[in-house]
PDB file of N, CA and C in Angstrom:
ATOM      1  N   MET A   1      20.699 -40.570  10.035  1.00  0.00           N
ATOM      2  CA  MET A   1      20.791 -40.186   8.237  1.00  0.00           C
ATOM      3  C   MET A   1      21.720 -38.862   8.936  1.00  0.00           C
ATOM      4  N   ALA A   2      22.100 -38.155   8.571  1.00  0.00           N
ATOM      5  CA  ALA A   2      23.007 -36.578   9.032  1.00  0.00           C
ATOM      6  C   ALA A   2      22.541 -35.571   8.608  1.00  0.00           C
ATOM      7  N   THR A   3      22.535 -34.791   8.857  1.00  0.00           N
ATOM      8  CA  THR A   3      21.707 -33.439   8.921  1.00  0.00           C
ATOM      9  C   THR A   3      22.787 -32.252   7.900  1.00  0.00           C
ATOM     10  N   ILE A   4      22.679 -31.705   6.638  1.00  0.00           N
ATOM     11  CA  ILE A   4      22.854 -30.428   5.975  1.00  0.00           C
ATOM     12  C   ILE A   4      22.478 -28.852   7.188  1.00  0.00           C
ATOM     13  N   PRO A   5      23.745 -28.638   7.750  1.00  0.00           N
ATOM     14  CA  PRO A   5      23.306 -27.551   7.912  1.00  0.00           C
ATOM     15  C   PRO A   5      22.801 -26.483   7.110  1.00  0.00           C
ATOM     16  N   ASN A   6      22.231 -24.811   7.333  1.00  0.00           N
ATOM     17  CA  ASN A   6      22.090 -24.448   6.564  1.00  0.00           C
ATOM     18  C   ASN A   6      22.939 -23.434   5.722  1.00  0.00           C
ATOM     19  N   GLU A   7      22.803 -23.172   4.733  1.00  0.00           N
ATOM     20  CA  GLU A   7      23.905 -22.852   4.438  1.00  0.00           C
ATOM     21  C   GLU A   7      23.980 -21.192   4.748  1.00  0.00           C
ATOM     22  N   PRO A   8      24.335 -19.801   4.326  1.00  0.00           N
ATOM     23  CA  PRO A   8      24.625 -17.921   4.705  1.00  0.00           C
ATOM     24  C   PRO A   8      23.764 -17.547   3.796  1.00  0.00           C
ATOM     25  N   GLY A   9      24.310 -18.651   2.883  1.00  0.00           N
ATOM     26  CA  GLY A   9      23.669 -17.481   1.411  1.00  0.00           C
ATOM     27  C   GLY A   9      22.769 -18.656   1.033  1.00  0.00           C
ATOM     28  N   GLY A  10      21.915 -19.122   1.939  1.00  0.00           N
ATOM     29  CA  GLY A  10      20.925 -20.322   1.099  1.00  0.00           C
ATOM     30  C   GLY A  10      18.987 -19.668   1.100  1.00  0.00           C
ATOM     31  N   PRO A  11      18.229 -20.531   1.001  1.00  0.00           N
ATOM     32  CA  PRO A  11      16.700 -19.274   0.094  1.00  0.00           C
ATOM     33  C   PRO A  11      16.809 -18.853   1.061  1.00  0.00           C
ATOM     34  N   ARG A  12      16.886 -18.669   2.276  1.00  0.00           N
ATOM     35  CA  ARG A  12      16.492 -17.891   3.648  1.00  0.00           C
ATOM     36  C   ARG A  12      17.692 -16.649   4.614  1.00  0.00           C
ATOM     37  N   GLY A  13      18.434 -17.062   3.809  1.00  0.00           N
ATOM     38  CA  GLY A  13      20.012 -16.085   3.994  1.00  0.00           C
ATOM     39  C   GLY A  13      20.160 -14.518   4.219  1.00  0.00           C
ATOM     40  N   GLY A  14      20.469 -13.745   4.770  1.00  0.00           N
ATOM     41  CA  GLY A  14      21.075 -13.074   4.610  1.00  0.00           C
ATOM     42  C   GLY A  14      21.873 -11.892   3.735  1.00  0.00           C
ATOM     43  N   MET A  15      21.627 -13.142   2.405  1.00  0.00           N
ATOM     44  CA  MET A  15      22.918 -12.737   1.344  1.00  0.00           C
ATOM     45  C   MET A  15      22.400 -11.872   0.892  1.00  0.00           C
ATOM     46  N   PRO A  16      23.166 -10.687   0.010  1.00  0.00           N
ATOM     47  CA  PRO A  16      22.409  -9.675  -0.756  1.00  0.00           C
ATOM     48  C   PRO A  16      21.991 -10.408  -2.254  1.00  0.00           C
ATOM     49  N   GLY A  17      20.958  -9.893  -3.209  1.00  0.00           N
ATOM     50  CA  GLY A  17      20.771 -10.519  -4.260  1.00  0.00           C
ATOM     51  C   GLY A  17      19.682 -11.603  -3.850  1.00  0.00           C
ATOM     52  N   THR A  18      19.642 -12.310  -2.333  1.00  0.00           N
ATOM     53  CA  THR A  18      18.303 -13.169  -2.197  1.00  0.00           C
ATOM     54  C   THR A  18      17.494 -12.672  -1.699  1.00  0.00           C
ATOM     55  N   TRP A  19      16.239 -13.912  -1.722  1.00  0.00           N
ATOM     56  CA  TRP A  19      15.185 -13.368  -1.880  1.00  0.00           C
ATOM     57  C   TRP A  19      14.555 -13.885  -0.620  1.00  0.00           C
ATOM     58  N   GLY A  20      15.892 -14.325   0.093  1.00  0.00           N
ATOM     59  CA  GLY A  20      15.176 -14.677   1.715  1.00  0.00           C
ATOM     60  C   GLY A  20      15.175 -13.157   2.661  1.00  0.00           C
ATOM     61  N   GLY A  21      15.757 -12.087   1.845  1.00  0.00           N
ATOM     62  CA  GLY A  21      15.229 -10.860   3.341  1.00  0.00           C
ATOM     63  C   GLY A  21      13.981 -10.010   2.706  1.00  0.00           C
ATOM     64  N   ALA A  22      13.437  -8.199   2.469  1.00  0.00           N
ATOM     65  CA  ALA A  22      12.501  -8.421   2.645  1.00  0.00           C
ATOM     66  C   ALA A  22      11.236  -8.508   1.027  1.00  0.00           C
ATOM     67  N   ARG A  23      10.980  -8.425   1.401  1.00  0.00           N
ATOM     68  CA  ARG A  23       9.733  -9.073   0.187  1.00  0.00           C
ATOM     69  C   ARG A  23       9.416  -8.143  -0.365  1.00  0.00           C
ATOM     70  N   MET A  24       9.283  -8.029  -1.766  1.00  0.00           N
ATOM     71  CA  MET A  24       8.234  -7.143  -2.494  1.00  0.00           C
ATOM     72  C   MET A  24       7.488  -6.629  -2.718  1.00  0.00           C
ATOM     73  N   PRO A  25       6.359  -5.864  -2.629  1.00  0.00           N
ATOM     74  CA  PRO A  25       5.132  -5.558  -2.492  1.00  0.00           C
ATOM     75  C   PRO A  25       3.770  -6.421  -3.403  1.00  0.00           C
ATOM     76  N   ILE A  26       3.113  -6.527  -3.011  1.00  0.00           N
ATOM     77  CA  ILE A  26       1.969  -7.010  -4.287  1.00  0.00           C
ATOM     78  C   ILE A  26       1.359  -6.084  -5.114  1.00  0.00           C
ATOM     79  N   PRO A  27       1.268  -6.203  -6.214  1.00  0.00           N
ATOM     80  CA  PRO A  27       0.653  -4.402  -6.070  1.00  0.00           C
ATOM     81  C   PRO A  27      -0.981  -5.124  -6.178  1.00  0.00           C
ATOM     82  N   GLY A  28      -1.620  -4.125  -5.429  1.00  0.00           N
ATOM     83  CA  GLY A  28      -3.717  -4.406  -5.352  1.00  0.00           C
ATOM     84  C   GLY A  28      -3.297  -4.699  -3.861  1.00  0.00           C
ATOM     85  N   ASN A  29      -4.407  -4.118  -3.236  1.00  0.00           N
ATOM     86  CA  ASN A  29      -4.080  -4.672  -1.935  1.00  0.00           C
ATOM     87  C   ASN A  29      -5.583  -3.619  -1.274  1.00  0.00           C
ATOM     88  N   ALA A  30      -6.114  -3.885   0.256  1.00  0.00           N
ATOM     89  CA  ALA A  30      -7.409  -3.782   1.101  1.00  0.00           C
ATOM     90  C   ALA A  30      -7.847  -2.442   0.681  1.00  0.00           C
ATOM     91  N   GLU A  31      -6.260  -1.485   0.856  1.00  0.00           N
ATOM     92  CA  GLU A  31      -6.595  -0.027   1.102  1.00  0.00           C
ATOM     93  C   GLU A  31      -6.483   0.623   0.076  1.00  0.00           C
ATOM     94  N   PHE A  32      -6.336  -0.192  -1.333  1.00  0.00           N
ATOM     95  CA  PHE A  32      -6.238   1.142  -2.306  1.00  0.00           C
ATOM     96  C   PHE A  32      -7.908   0.155  -3.183  1.00  0.00           C
ATOM     97  N   ALA A  33      -8.593  -0.855  -2.610  1.00  0.00           N
ATOM     98  CA  ALA A  33      -9.477  -0.963  -3.500  1.00  0.00           C
ATOM     99  C   ALA A  33     -10.333  -0.109  -2.077  1.00  0.00           C
ATOM    100  N   VAL A  34     -10.346  -0.062  -0.868  1.00  0.00           N
ATOM    101  CA  VAL A  34     -11.586   0.681  -0.043  1.00  0.00           C
ATOM    102  C   VAL A  34     -10.899   2.435  -0.790  1.00  0.00           C
ATOM    103  N   TYR A  35     -10.033   2.969  -1.438  1.00  0.00           N
ATOM    104  CA  TYR A  35      -9.859   3.808  -1.986  1.00  0.00           C
ATOM    105  C   TYR A  35     -10.291   4.696  -2.792  1.00  0.00           C
ATOM    106  N   PHE A  36     -10.213   3.255  -3.728  1.00  0.00           N
ATOM    107  CA  PHE A  36     -11.398   2.917  -5.089  1.00  0.00           C
ATOM    108  C   PHE A  36     -13.043   3.333  -5.256  1.00  0.00           C
ATOM    109  N   ILE A  37     -13.322   2.464  -3.811  1.00  0.00           N
ATOM    110  CA  ILE A  37     -14.732   2.365  -4.054  1.00  0.00           C
ATOM    111  C   ILE A  37     -15.396   3.755  -2.919  1.00  0.00           C
ATOM    112  N   ILE A  38     -14.491   4.627  -2.187  1.00  0.00           N
ATOM    113  CA  ILE A  38     -14.423   5.814  -1.894  1.00  0.00           C
ATOM    114  C   ILE A  38     -15.105   6.805  -3.165  1.00  0.00           C
ATOM    115  N   GLU A  39     -14.032   7.070  -3.020  1.00  0.00           N
ATOM    116  CA  GLU A  39     -13.604   7.731  -4.906  1.00  0.00           C
ATOM    117  C   GLU A  39     -14.825   7.307  -5.609  1.00  0.00           C
ATOM    118  N   VAL A  40     -15.298   6.136  -6.047  1.00  0.00           N
ATOM    119  CA  VAL A  40     -16.555   5.926  -6.647  1.00  0.00           C
ATOM    120  C   VAL A  40     -17.908   7.127  -6.324  1.00  0.00           C
ATOM    121  N   ILE A  41     -17.929   6.591  -4.847  1.00  0.00           N
ATOM    122  CA  ILE A  41     -18.933   7.016  -4.578  1.00  0.00           C
ATOM    123  C   ILE A  41     -18.865   8.637  -4.115  1.00  0.00           C
ATOM    124  N   PHE A  42     -17.826   9.487  -4.085  1.00  0.00           N
ATOM    125  CA  PHE A  42     -17.657  10.818  -4.130  1.00  0.00           C
ATOM    126  C   PHE A  42     -17.967  10.751  -5.404  1.00  0.00           C
ATOM    127  N   ALA A  43     -17.640  10.180  -6.408  1.00  0.00           N
ATOM    128  CA  ALA A  43     -17.967  10.493  -7.990  1.00  0.00           C
ATOM    129  C   ALA A  43     -19.185  10.704  -8.414  1.00  0.00           C
ATOM    130  N   ILE A  44     -19.861   9.192  -7.720  1.00  0.00           N
ATOM    131  CA  ILE A  44     -21.933   9.176  -7.388  1.00  0.00           C
ATOM    132  C   ILE A  44     -22.335  10.181  -7.152  1.00  0.00           C
ATOM    133  N   ILE A  45     -21.949  11.243  -5.693  1.00  0.00           N
ATOM    134  CA  ILE A  45     -22.466  12.432  -4.866  1.00  0.00           C
ATOM    135  C   ILE A  45     -21.991  13.747  -6.143  1.00  0.00           C
ATOM    136  N   TRP A  46     -21.419  13.935  -6.552  1.00  0.00           N
ATOM    137  CA  TRP A  46     -21.192  14.598  -7.644  1.00  0.00           C
ATOM    138  C   TRP A  46     -22.144  14.557  -8.758  1.00  0.00           C
ATOM    139  N   ILE A  47     -21.681  13.362  -9.118  1.00  0.00           N
ATOM    140  CA  ILE A  47     -23.097  13.507 -10.509  1.00  0.00           C
ATOM    141  C   ILE A  47     -23.827  13.847 -10.333  1.00  0.00           C
ATOM    142  N   ALA A  48     -25.159  13.213  -8.719  1.00  0.00           N
ATOM    143  CA  ALA A  48     -26.161  12.928  -8.120  1.00  0.00           C
ATOM    144  C   ALA A  48     -26.611  13.860  -7.629  1.00  0.00           C
ATOM    145  N   ALA A  49     -25.759  15.149  -6.754  1.00  0.00           N
ATOM    146  CA  ALA A  49     -25.980  15.932  -6.316  1.00  0.00           C
ATOM    147  C   ALA A  49     -26.092  17.630  -6.633  1.00  0.00           C
ATOM    148  N   GLU A  50     -26.989  18.269  -6.595  1.00  0.00           N
ATOM    149  CA  GLU A  50     -26.518  19.539  -7.285  1.00  0.00           C
ATOM    150  C   GLU A  50     -25.931  20.550  -6.095  1.00  0.00           C
ATOM    151  N   SER A  51     -25.860  20.053  -4.588  1.00  0.00           N
ATOM    152  CA  SER A  51     -25.480  20.716  -3.795  1.00  0.00           C
ATOM    153  C   SER A  51     -23.634  20.875  -3.777  1.00  0.00           C
ATOM    154  N   VAL A  52     -23.204  19.780  -4.683  1.00  0.00           N
ATOM    155  CA  VAL A  52     -21.706  19.146  -4.373  1.00  0.00           C
ATOM    156  C   VAL A  52     -21.419  19.835  -5.982  1.00  0.00           C
ATOM    157  N   ASN A  53     -19.985  20.608  -5.621  1.00  0.00           N
ATOM    158  CA  ASN A  53     -19.960  21.295  -6.900  1.00  0.00           C
ATOM    159  C   ASN A  53     -18.969  20.278  -7.965  1.00  0.00           C
ATOM    160  N   THR A  54     -17.699  20.686  -8.914  1.00  0.00           N
ATOM    161  CA  THR A  54     -16.629  20.175  -9.443  1.00  0.00           C
ATOM    162  C   THR A  54     -15.696  20.614  -7.991  1.00  0.00           C
ATOM    163  N   HIS A  55     -15.618  21.429  -7.621  1.00  0.00           N
ATOM    164  CA  HIS A  55     -14.084  22.422  -6.181  1.00  0.00           C
ATOM    165  C   HIS A  55     -14.678  21.339  -5.494  1.00  0.00           C
ATOM    166  N   ASP A  56     -15.794  21.577  -4.687  1.00  0.00           N
ATOM    167  CA  ASP A  56     -16.031  20.813  -3.686  1.00  0.00           C
ATOM    168  C   ASP A  56     -15.997  19.033  -3.542  1.00  0.00           C
ATOM    169  N   TRP A  57     -16.178  18.298  -4.792  1.00  0.00           N
ATOM    170  CA  TRP A  57     -15.593  17.006  -5.380  1.00  0.00           C
ATOM    171  C   TRP A  57     -14.275  16.971  -5.560  1.00  0.00           C
ATOM    172  N   VAL A  58     -13.618  18.088  -6.384  1.00  0.00           N
ATOM    173  CA  VAL A  58     -11.985  17.431  -6.244  1.00  0.00           C
ATOM    174  C   VAL A  58     -11.212  17.671  -5.049  1.00  0.00           C
ATOM    175  N   TRP A  59     -11.513  18.699  -3.689  1.00  0.00           N
ATOM    176  CA  TRP A  59     -10.751  18.932  -2.296  1.00  0.00           C
ATOM    177  C   TRP A  59     -11.149  17.774  -1.503  1.00  0.00           C
ATOM    178  N   PHE A  60     -12.484  17.269  -1.563  1.00  0.00           N
ATOM    179  CA  PHE A  60     -12.603  16.223  -0.605  1.00  0.00           C
ATOM    180  C   PHE A  60     -11.095  14.541  -1.937  1.00  0.00           C
ATOM    181  N   SER A  61     -11.373  15.027  -2.717  1.00  0.00           N
ATOM    182  CA  SER A  61     -10.428  13.728  -3.577  1.00  0.00           C
ATOM    183  C   SER A  61      -8.888  13.807  -3.775  1.00  0.00           C
ATOM    184  N   THR A  62      -8.989  15.071  -3.425  1.00  0.00           N
ATOM    185  CA  THR A  62      -7.885  15.400  -3.047  1.00  0.00           C
ATOM    186  C   THR A  62      -6.962  15.074  -1.661  1.00  0.00           C
ATOM    187  N   ILE A  63      -7.802  15.584  -0.186  1.00  0.00           N
ATOM    188  CA  ILE A  63      -7.640  15.107   1.036  1.00  0.00           C
ATOM    189  C   ILE A  63      -7.185  13.592   1.500  1.00  0.00           C
ATOM    190  N   LEU A  64      -8.408  12.935   0.293  1.00  0.00           N
ATOM    191  CA  LEU A  64      -8.957  11.451   0.923  1.00  0.00           C
ATOM    192  C   LEU A  64      -7.104  10.456   0.385  1.00  0.00           C
ATOM    193  N   THR A  65      -6.929  10.986  -1.058  1.00  0.00           N
ATOM    194  CA  THR A  65      -5.530  11.015  -1.915  1.00  0.00           C
ATOM    195  C   THR A  65      -4.578  11.224  -0.782  1.00  0.00           C
ATOM    196  N   ALA A  66      -4.288  12.124  -0.237  1.00  0.00           N
ATOM    197  CA  ALA A  66      -3.488  12.888   0.366  1.00  0.00           C
ATOM    198  C   ALA A  66      -3.201  11.780   1.818  1.00  0.00           C
ATOM    199  N   PHE A  67      -4.159  11.544   2.626  1.00  0.00           N
ATOM    200  CA  PHE A  67      -4.473  10.348   3.802  1.00  0.00           C
ATOM    201  C   PHE A  67      -3.678   8.657   3.015  1.00  0.00           C
ATOM    202  N   TYR A  68      -4.469   9.168   1.845  1.00  0.00           N
ATOM    203  CA  TYR A  68      -4.649   7.289   1.500  1.00  0.00           C
ATOM    204  C   TYR A  68      -2.601   7.517   1.014  1.00  0.00           C
ATOM    205  N   ILE A  69      -2.287   8.234   0.883  1.00  0.00           N
ATOM    206  CA  ILE A  69      -0.861   8.159   0.870  1.00  0.00           C
ATOM    207  C   ILE A  69      -0.202   8.278   1.966  1.00  0.00           C
ATOM    208  N   LEU A  70      -0.337   8.982   3.354  1.00  0.00           N
ATOM    209  CA  LEU A  70       0.380   9.284   3.823  1.00  0.00           C
ATOM    210  C   LEU A  70       0.138   7.781   5.231  1.00  0.00           C
ATOM    211  N   SER A  71      -0.740   6.622   4.666  1.00  0.00           N
ATOM    212  CA  SER A  71      -1.105   6.042   5.718  1.00  0.00           C
ATOM    213  C   SER A  71      -0.384   4.896   5.020  1.00  0.00           C
ATOM    214  N   ARG A  72      -0.367   4.875   3.677  1.00  0.00           N
ATOM    215  CA  ARG A  72       1.211   3.515   3.264  1.00  0.00           C
ATOM    216  C   ARG A  72       1.648   4.130   3.280  1.00  0.00           C
ATOM    217  N   GLY A  73       2.260   4.979   3.543  1.00  0.00           N
ATOM    218  CA  GLY A  73       4.162   5.664   3.719  1.00  0.00           C
ATOM    219  C   GLY A  73       4.214   5.530   5.488  1.00  0.00           C
ATOM    220  N   ILE A  74       2.948   5.964   6.822  1.00  0.00           N
ATOM    221  CA  ILE A  74       2.969   4.764   7.466  1.00  0.00           C
ATOM    222  C   ILE A  74       3.792   4.134   7.427  1.00  0.00           C
ATOM    223  N   ALA A  75       2.922   2.840   7.134  1.00  0.00           N
ATOM    224  CA  ALA A  75       2.576   1.580   6.416  1.00  0.00           C
ATOM    225  C   ALA A  75       4.117   1.142   6.784  1.00  0.00           C
ATOM    226  N   LYS A  76       4.287   1.107   5.180  1.00  0.00           N
ATOM    227  CA  LYS A  76       5.485   0.616   5.190  1.00  0.00           C
ATOM    228  C   LYS A  76       6.895   1.258   5.808  1.00  0.00           C
ATOM    229  N   ALA A  77       6.622   2.379   6.396  1.00  0.00           N
ATOM    230  CA  ALA A  77       8.118   2.624   7.438  1.00  0.00           C
ATOM    231  C   ALA A  77       7.927   1.605   8.696  1.00  0.00           C
ATOM    232  N   SER A  78       6.644   0.764   9.002  1.00  0.00           N
ATOM    233  CA  SER A  78       7.209   0.833   9.982  1.00  0.00           C
ATOM    234  C   SER A  78       7.243  -0.602   9.621  1.00  0.00           C
ATOM    235  N   ARG A  79       7.327  -1.280   8.262  1.00  0.00           N
ATOM    236  CA  ARG A  79       7.852  -2.322   8.164  1.00  0.00           C
ATOM    237  C   ARG A  79       9.726  -2.520   7.249  1.00  0.00           C
ATOM    238  N   VAL A  80      10.026  -1.868   7.846  1.00  0.00           N
ATOM    239  CA  VAL A  80      11.285  -1.692   6.963  1.00  0.00           C
ATOM    240  C   VAL A  80      12.249  -1.874   8.104  1.00  0.00           C
ATOM    241  N   LEU A  81      13.162  -3.303   8.247  1.00  0.00           N
ATOM    242  CA  LEU A  81      13.971  -3.692   8.464  1.00  0.00           C
ATOM    243  C   LEU A  81      15.008  -2.923   9.352  1.00  0.00           C
ATOM    244  N   GLU A  82      15.539  -3.662  10.604  1.00  0.00           N
ATOM    245  CA  GLU A  82      16.646  -2.500  10.964  1.00  0.00           C
ATOM    246  C   GLU A  82      17.642  -3.399  10.460  1.00  0.00           C
ATOM    247  N   GLN A  83      19.190  -2.761  10.474  1.00  0.00           N
ATOM    248  CA  GLN A  83      20.183  -3.094  10.275  1.00  0.00           C
ATOM    249  C   GLN A  83      21.320  -2.763  11.756  1.00  0.00           C
TER     250      GLN A  83
END
């Protein structure tokens, strides 16, 4: 029995508009879950501890958010397809 060769525009082909190229990101990931858990822990500490004021909580959250966005940018940059 003869086999049919793969077409260049098939499901794994490189033609624009097909799903064979880069994959779409899946919303929600483990990094976001860890980020959310840490934010909840920060909020609990802010509520429970009298030594942590609102300024400290916002400052720590801002730093954590900046590092989260930076890590996502590095992760996405490492997956850029070379042309």
